[in-house]
């Protein structure tokens, strides 16, 4: 099974793994709390959608 986005490239978007996990978790919670029309149409789970946003630089990780 392949992950999309690839985890080895996703890790490079954050200063450390912990920051990446925290950023994905926070964004996932935001997506689940709001009316999820954005990722609902894509057929993806909220956590996958959050990871994809970070990978595509739509969400930036700031410490």
PDB file of N, CA and C in Angstrom:
ATOM      1  N   UNK A   1       0.840  -1.180   0.000  1.00  0.00           N
ATOM      2  CA  UNK A   1       0.000   0.000   0.000  1.00  0.00           C
ATOM      3  C   UNK A   1       0.887   1.246   0.000  1.00  0.00           C
ATOM      4  N   UNK A   2       0.620   2.159  -0.917  1.00  0.00           N
ATOM      5  CA  UNK A   2       1.372   3.410  -0.980  1.00  0.00           C
ATOM      6  C   UNK A   2       0.620   4.506  -0.256  1.00  0.00           C
ATOM      7  N   UNK A   3       1.380   5.297   0.453  1.00  0.00           N
ATOM      8  CA  UNK A   3       0.795   6.452   1.121  1.00  0.00           C
ATOM      9  C   UNK A   3       0.845   7.649   0.194  1.00  0.00           C
ATOM     10  N   UNK A   4      -0.190   8.429   0.232  1.00  0.00           N
ATOM     11  CA  UNK A   4      -0.196   9.666  -0.527  1.00  0.00           C
ATOM     12  C   UNK A   4      -0.550  10.785   0.421  1.00  0.00           C
ATOM     13  N   UNK A   5       0.274  11.709   0.695  1.00  0.00           N
ATOM     14  CA  UNK A   5       1.608  11.965   0.158  1.00  0.00           C
ATOM     15  C   UNK A   5       2.655  11.058   0.796  1.00  0.00           C
ATOM     16  N   UNK A   6       3.776  10.869   0.115  1.00  0.00           N
ATOM     17  CA  UNK A   6       4.828  10.000   0.637  1.00  0.00           C
ATOM     18  C   UNK A   6       5.395  10.551   1.952  1.00  0.00           C
ATOM     19  N   UNK A   7       5.516   9.702   2.941  1.00  0.00           N
ATOM     20  CA  UNK A   7       5.925  10.136   4.280  1.00  0.00           C
ATOM     21  C   UNK A   7       7.349  10.683   4.294  1.00  0.00           C
ATOM     22  N   UNK A   8       8.237  10.133   3.490  1.00  0.00           N
ATOM     23  CA  UNK A   8       9.620  10.626   3.495  1.00  0.00           C
ATOM     24  C   UNK A   8       9.711  12.060   2.969  1.00  0.00           C
ATOM     25  N   UNK A   9       8.852  12.431   2.048  1.00  0.00           N
ATOM     26  CA  UNK A   9       8.832  13.808   1.539  1.00  0.00           C
ATOM     27  C   UNK A   9       8.024  14.729   2.452  1.00  0.00           C
ATOM     28  N   UNK A  10       7.030  14.174   3.121  1.00  0.00           N
ATOM     29  CA  UNK A  10       6.209  14.965   4.037  1.00  0.00           C
ATOM     30  C   UNK A  10       7.014  15.385   5.260  1.00  0.00           C
ATOM     31  N   UNK A  11       7.896  14.540   5.730  1.00  0.00           N
ATOM     32  CA  UNK A  11       8.723  14.858   6.893  1.00  0.00           C
ATOM     33  C   UNK A  11       9.618  16.062   6.621  1.00  0.00           C
ATOM     34  N   UNK A  12      10.026  16.252   5.386  1.00  0.00           N
ATOM     35  CA  UNK A  12      10.891  17.374   5.024  1.00  0.00           C
ATOM     36  C   UNK A  12      10.172  18.722   5.108  1.00  0.00           C
ATOM     37  N   UNK A  13       8.858  18.718   5.223  1.00  0.00           N
ATOM     38  CA  UNK A  13       8.078  19.951   5.304  1.00  0.00           C
ATOM     39  C   UNK A  13       8.046  20.528   6.718  1.00  0.00           C
ATOM     40  N   UNK A  14       8.569  19.772   7.693  1.00  0.00           N
ATOM     41  CA  UNK A  14       8.533  20.208   9.090  1.00  0.00           C
ATOM     42  C   UNK A  14       9.934  20.170   9.680  1.00  0.00           C
ATOM     43  N   UNK A  15      10.169  20.995  10.704  1.00  0.00           N
ATOM     44  CA  UNK A  15      11.491  20.992  11.333  1.00  0.00           C
ATOM     45  C   UNK A  15      11.792  19.698  12.086  1.00  0.00           C
ATOM     46  N   UNK A  16      10.752  19.013  12.567  1.00  0.00           N
ATOM     47  CA  UNK A  16      10.945  17.723  13.241  1.00  0.00           C
ATOM     48  C   UNK A  16       9.658  16.910  13.111  1.00  0.00           C
ATOM     49  N   UNK A  17       9.744  15.647  13.413  1.00  0.00           N
ATOM     50  CA  UNK A  17       8.576  14.765  13.281  1.00  0.00           C
ATOM     51  C   UNK A  17       7.460  15.154  14.236  1.00  0.00           C
ATOM     52  N   UNK A  18       7.847  15.559  15.429  1.00  0.00           N
ATOM     53  CA  UNK A  18       6.852  15.964  16.415  1.00  0.00           C
ATOM     54  C   UNK A  18       6.022  17.140  15.893  1.00  0.00           C
ATOM     55  N   UNK A  19       6.669  18.129  15.307  1.00  0.00           N
ATOM     56  CA  UNK A  19       5.963  19.290  14.758  1.00  0.00           C
ATOM     57  C   UNK A  19       5.014  18.867  13.641  1.00  0.00           C
ATOM     58  N   UNK A  20       5.439  17.919  12.839  1.00  0.00           N
ATOM     59  CA  UNK A  20       4.583  17.421  11.751  1.00  0.00           C
ATOM     60  C   UNK A  20       3.331  16.754  12.309  1.00  0.00           C
ATOM     61  N   UNK A  21       3.501  15.907  13.311  1.00  0.00           N
ATOM     62  CA  UNK A  21       2.365  15.210  13.913  1.00  0.00           C
ATOM     63  C   UNK A  21       1.399  16.203  14.554  1.00  0.00           C
ATOM     64  N   UNK A  22       1.929  17.183  15.258  1.00  0.00           N
ATOM     65  CA  UNK A  22       1.081  18.184  15.907  1.00  0.00           C
ATOM     66  C   UNK A  22       0.317  18.997  14.859  1.00  0.00           C
ATOM     67  N   UNK A  23       1.000  19.398  13.794  1.00  0.00           N
ATOM     68  CA  UNK A  23       0.349  20.190  12.743  1.00  0.00           C
ATOM     69  C   UNK A  23      -0.764  19.404  12.050  1.00  0.00           C
ATOM     70  N   UNK A  24      -0.502  18.153  11.738  1.00  0.00           N
ATOM     71  CA  UNK A  24      -1.525  17.323  11.080  1.00  0.00           C
ATOM     72  C   UNK A  24      -2.704  17.105  12.016  1.00  0.00           C
ATOM     73  N   UNK A  25      -2.427  16.871  13.295  1.00  0.00           N
ATOM     74  CA  UNK A  25      -3.497  16.656  14.270  1.00  0.00           C
ATOM     75  C   UNK A  25      -4.361  17.896  14.426  1.00  0.00           C
ATOM     76  N   UNK A  26      -3.730  19.057  14.538  1.00  0.00           N
ATOM     77  CA  UNK A  26      -4.498  20.307  14.684  1.00  0.00           C
ATOM     78  C   UNK A  26      -5.361  20.580  13.463  1.00  0.00           C
ATOM     79  N   UNK A  27      -4.787  20.394  12.288  1.00  0.00           N
ATOM     80  CA  UNK A  27      -5.551  20.647  11.067  1.00  0.00           C
ATOM     81  C   UNK A  27      -6.700  19.649  10.925  1.00  0.00           C
ATOM     82  N   UNK A  28      -6.467  18.411  11.302  1.00  0.00           N
ATOM     83  CA  UNK A  28      -7.523  17.403  11.242  1.00  0.00           C
ATOM     84  C   UNK A  28      -8.676  17.782  12.159  1.00  0.00           C
ATOM     85  N   UNK A  29      -8.358  18.236  13.362  1.00  0.00           N
ATOM     86  CA  UNK A  29      -9.405  18.661  14.288  1.00  0.00           C
ATOM     87  C   UNK A  29     -10.183  19.847  13.732  1.00  0.00           C
ATOM     88  N   UNK A  30      -9.486  20.782  13.083  1.00  0.00           N
ATOM     89  CA  UNK A  30     -10.169  21.924  12.462  1.00  0.00           C
ATOM     90  C   UNK A  30     -11.122  21.455  11.368  1.00  0.00           C
ATOM     91  N   UNK A  31     -10.662  20.537  10.543  1.00  0.00           N
ATOM     92  CA  UNK A  31     -11.502  20.046   9.446  1.00  0.00           C
ATOM     93  C   UNK A  31     -12.732  19.320   9.972  1.00  0.00           C
ATOM     94  N   UNK A  32     -12.569  18.555  11.047  1.00  0.00           N
ATOM     95  CA  UNK A  32     -13.699  17.816  11.597  1.00  0.00           C
ATOM     96  C   UNK A  32     -14.689  18.721  12.319  1.00  0.00           C
ATOM     97  N   UNK A  33     -14.219  19.844  12.860  1.00  0.00           N
ATOM     98  CA  UNK A  33     -15.107  20.727  13.602  1.00  0.00           C
ATOM     99  C   UNK A  33     -15.927  21.638  12.690  1.00  0.00           C
ATOM    100  N   UNK A  34     -15.416  21.929  11.511  1.00  0.00           N
ATOM    101  CA  UNK A  34     -16.160  22.789  10.601  1.00  0.00           C
ATOM    102  C   UNK A  34     -16.956  21.941   9.611  1.00  0.00           C
ATOM    103  N   UNK A  35     -17.815  22.581   8.874  1.00  0.00           N
ATOM    104  CA  UNK A  35     -18.577  21.875   7.851  1.00  0.00           C
ATOM    105  C   UNK A  35     -17.599  21.452   6.762  1.00  0.00           C
ATOM    106  N   UNK A  36     -17.369  20.198   6.656  1.00  0.00           N
ATOM    107  CA  UNK A  36     -16.272  19.672   5.845  1.00  0.00           C
ATOM    108  C   UNK A  36     -16.658  19.471   4.385  1.00  0.00           C
ATOM    109  N   UNK A  37     -17.001  20.536   3.714  1.00  0.00           N
ATOM    110  CA  UNK A  37     -17.335  20.424   2.295  1.00  0.00           C
ATOM    111  C   UNK A  37     -16.087  20.235   1.453  1.00  0.00           C
ATOM    112  N   UNK A  38     -14.964  20.813   1.892  1.00  0.00           N
ATOM    113  CA  UNK A  38     -13.721  20.742   1.120  1.00  0.00           C
ATOM    114  C   UNK A  38     -13.259  19.306   0.929  1.00  0.00           C
ATOM    115  N   UNK A  39     -13.050  18.615   2.028  1.00  0.00           N
ATOM    116  CA  UNK A  39     -12.512  17.270   1.889  1.00  0.00           C
ATOM    117  C   UNK A  39     -13.604  16.226   1.747  1.00  0.00           C
ATOM    118  N   UNK A  40     -14.837  16.589   2.022  1.00  0.00           N
ATOM    119  CA  UNK A  40     -15.946  15.642   1.877  1.00  0.00           C
ATOM    120  C   UNK A  40     -16.164  15.223   0.430  1.00  0.00           C
ATOM    121  N   UNK A  41     -15.952  16.157  -0.491  1.00  0.00           N
ATOM    122  CA  UNK A  41     -16.122  15.858  -1.911  1.00  0.00           C
ATOM    123  C   UNK A  41     -14.967  15.042  -2.474  1.00  0.00           C
ATOM    124  N   UNK A  42     -13.816  15.096  -1.821  1.00  0.00           N
ATOM    125  CA  UNK A  42     -12.644  14.390  -2.338  1.00  0.00           C
ATOM    126  C   UNK A  42     -12.676  12.902  -2.010  1.00  0.00           C
ATOM    127  N   UNK A  43     -13.496  12.514  -1.036  1.00  0.00           N
ATOM    128  CA  UNK A  43     -13.560  11.116  -0.651  1.00  0.00           C
ATOM    129  C   UNK A  43     -12.410  10.689   0.251  1.00  0.00           C
ATOM    130  N   UNK A  44     -11.657  11.652   0.746  1.00  0.00           N
ATOM    131  CA  UNK A  44     -10.523  11.364   1.617  1.00  0.00           C
ATOM    132  C   UNK A  44     -10.941  11.515   3.077  1.00  0.00           C
ATOM    133  N   UNK A  45     -10.200  10.861   3.957  1.00  0.00           N
ATOM    134  CA  UNK A  45     -10.398  11.067   5.379  1.00  0.00           C
ATOM    135  C   UNK A  45      -9.753  12.388   5.756  1.00  0.00           C
ATOM    136  N   UNK A  46     -10.193  12.947   6.878  1.00  0.00           N
ATOM    137  CA  UNK A  46      -9.712  14.260   7.309  1.00  0.00           C
ATOM    138  C   UNK A  46      -8.206  14.267   7.532  1.00  0.00           C
ATOM    139  N   UNK A  47      -7.653  13.216   8.102  1.00  0.00           N
ATOM    140  CA  UNK A  47      -6.219  13.181   8.375  1.00  0.00           C
ATOM    141  C   UNK A  47      -5.414  13.111   7.080  1.00  0.00           C
ATOM    142  N   UNK A  48      -5.900  12.393   6.090  1.00  0.00           N
ATOM    143  CA  UNK A  48      -5.216  12.331   4.797  1.00  0.00           C
ATOM    144  C   UNK A  48      -5.281  13.674   4.088  1.00  0.00           C
ATOM    145  N   UNK A  49      -6.421  14.340   4.210  1.00  0.00           N
ATOM    146  CA  UNK A  49      -6.578  15.645   3.587  1.00  0.00           C
ATOM    147  C   UNK A  49      -5.645  16.666   4.237  1.00  0.00           C
ATOM    148  N   UNK A  50      -5.508  16.615   5.565  1.00  0.00           N
ATOM    149  CA  UNK A  50      -4.616  17.524   6.282  1.00  0.00           C
ATOM    150  C   UNK A  50      -3.166  17.286   5.869  1.00  0.00           C
ATOM    151  N   UNK A  51      -2.760  16.032   5.751  1.00  0.00           N
ATOM    152  CA  UNK A  51      -1.394  15.712   5.324  1.00  0.00           C
ATOM    153  C   UNK A  51      -1.144  16.200   3.904  1.00  0.00           C
ATOM    154  N   UNK A  52      -2.134  16.061   3.046  1.00  0.00           N
ATOM    155  CA  UNK A  52      -1.995  16.521   1.663  1.00  0.00           C
ATOM    156  C   UNK A  52      -1.863  18.041   1.594  1.00  0.00           C
ATOM    157  N   UNK A  53      -2.612  18.756   2.435  1.00  0.00           N
ATOM    158  CA  UNK A  53      -2.508  20.213   2.469  1.00  0.00           C
ATOM    159  C   UNK A  53      -1.098  20.658   2.873  1.00  0.00           C
ATOM    160  N   UNK A  54      -0.522  19.991   3.850  1.00  0.00           N
ATOM    161  CA  UNK A  54       0.833  20.326   4.284  1.00  0.00           C
ATOM    162  C   UNK A  54       1.834  19.982   3.194  1.00  0.00           C
ATOM    163  N   UNK A  55       1.654  18.857   2.553  1.00  0.00           N
ATOM    164  CA  UNK A  55       2.565  18.431   1.488  1.00  0.00           C
ATOM    165  C   UNK A  55       2.541  19.399   0.308  1.00  0.00           C
ATOM    166  N   UNK A  56       1.369  19.921  -0.007  1.00  0.00           N
ATOM    167  CA  UNK A  56       1.225  20.840  -1.138  1.00  0.00           C
ATOM    168  C   UNK A  56       1.462  22.303  -0.742  1.00  0.00           C
ATOM    169  N   UNK A  57       1.955  22.538   0.465  1.00  0.00           N
ATOM    170  CA  UNK A  57       2.272  23.872   0.986  1.00  0.00           C
ATOM    171  C   UNK A  57       1.064  24.796   1.077  1.00  0.00           C
ATOM    172  N   UNK A  58      -0.118  24.242   1.211  1.00  0.00           N
ATOM    173  CA  UNK A  58      -1.292  25.072   1.452  1.00  0.00           C
ATOM    174  C   UNK A  58      -1.387  25.426   2.930  1.00  0.00           C
ATOM    175  N   UNK A  59      -0.764  24.591   3.776  1.00  0.00           N
ATOM    176  CA  UNK A  59      -0.678  24.829   5.213  1.00  0.00           C
ATOM    177  C   UNK A  59       0.795  24.824   5.571  1.00  0.00           C
ATOM    178  N   UNK A  60       1.251  25.839   6.310  1.00  0.00           N
ATOM    179  CA  UNK A  60       2.643  25.936   6.715  1.00  0.00           C
ATOM    180  C   UNK A  60       2.772  25.622   8.191  1.00  0.00           C
ATOM    181  N   UNK A  61       3.833  24.944   8.555  1.00  0.00           N
ATOM    182  CA  UNK A  61       4.100  24.599   9.938  1.00  0.00           C
ATOM    183  C   UNK A  61       4.970  25.679  10.541  1.00  0.00           C
ATOM    184  N   UNK A  62       4.437  26.339  11.570  1.00  0.00           N
ATOM    185  CA  UNK A  62       5.147  27.421  12.247  1.00  0.00           C
ATOM    186  C   UNK A  62       5.296  27.038  13.712  1.00  0.00           C
ATOM    187  N   UNK A  63       6.502  27.133  14.214  1.00  0.00           N
ATOM    188  CA  UNK A  63       6.743  26.817  15.629  1.00  0.00           C
ATOM    189  C   UNK A  63       6.689  28.052  16.481  1.00  0.00           C
TER     190      UNK A  63
END
